[in-house]
Amino acid sequence: MDIVEITKENGKVFSFLEGQGDFSVSFSRGSLFILK
């Protein structure tokens, strides 16, 4: 598994382990969405 890091403009870093299957990540109104 790979460790994926997403950095927001305010400097916060979100880290999570990649699970099985493809996924996409998006920021919307300050919220983090992980779509599988």
Protein backbone atom coordinates (compact mmCIF):
# COMPACT_ATOMS: atom_id res chain seq x y z
CA MET A 1 0.00 0.00 0.00
CA ASP A 2 1.08 3.54 -0.66
CA ILE A 3 0.81 6.47 1.72
CA VAL A 4 -0.92 9.39 0.04
CA GLU A 5 -0.59 12.92 1.38
CA ILE A 6 -2.83 15.81 0.41
CA THR A 7 -1.83 19.33 1.34
CA LYS A 8 -4.36 22.13 1.60
CA GLU A 9 -3.61 25.80 1.08
CA ASN A 10 -3.66 26.44 4.83
CA GLY A 11 -0.77 24.01 5.30
CA LYS A 12 -2.67 21.12 6.88
CA VAL A 13 -1.70 17.69 5.60
CA PHE A 14 -4.09 14.78 5.34
CA SER A 15 -2.50 11.32 5.25
CA PHE A 16 -4.17 7.99 4.67
CA LEU A 17 -3.34 4.51 3.43
CA GLU A 18 -4.42 3.57 -0.05
CA GLY A 19 -6.90 0.69 0.00
CA GLN A 20 -7.85 -1.70 -2.75
CA GLY A 21 -9.26 -0.21 -5.92
CA ASP A 22 -9.01 3.23 -7.44
CA PHE A 23 -10.10 6.37 -5.67
CA SER A 24 -10.16 10.11 -6.17
CA VAL A 25 -9.68 12.92 -3.70
CA SER A 26 -11.26 16.35 -3.84
CA PHE A 27 -11.60 19.37 -1.58
CA SER A 28 -14.92 21.18 -1.38
CA ARG A 29 -15.66 24.08 0.94
CA GLY A 30 -12.89 23.04 3.33
CA SER A 31 -13.94 19.39 3.49
CA LEU A 32 -11.93 16.39 2.33
CA PHE A 33 -13.75 13.84 0.21
CA ILE A 34 -12.33 10.41 -0.67
CA LEU A 35 -14.38 8.78 -3.41
CA LYS A 36 -14.02 5.12 -4.23
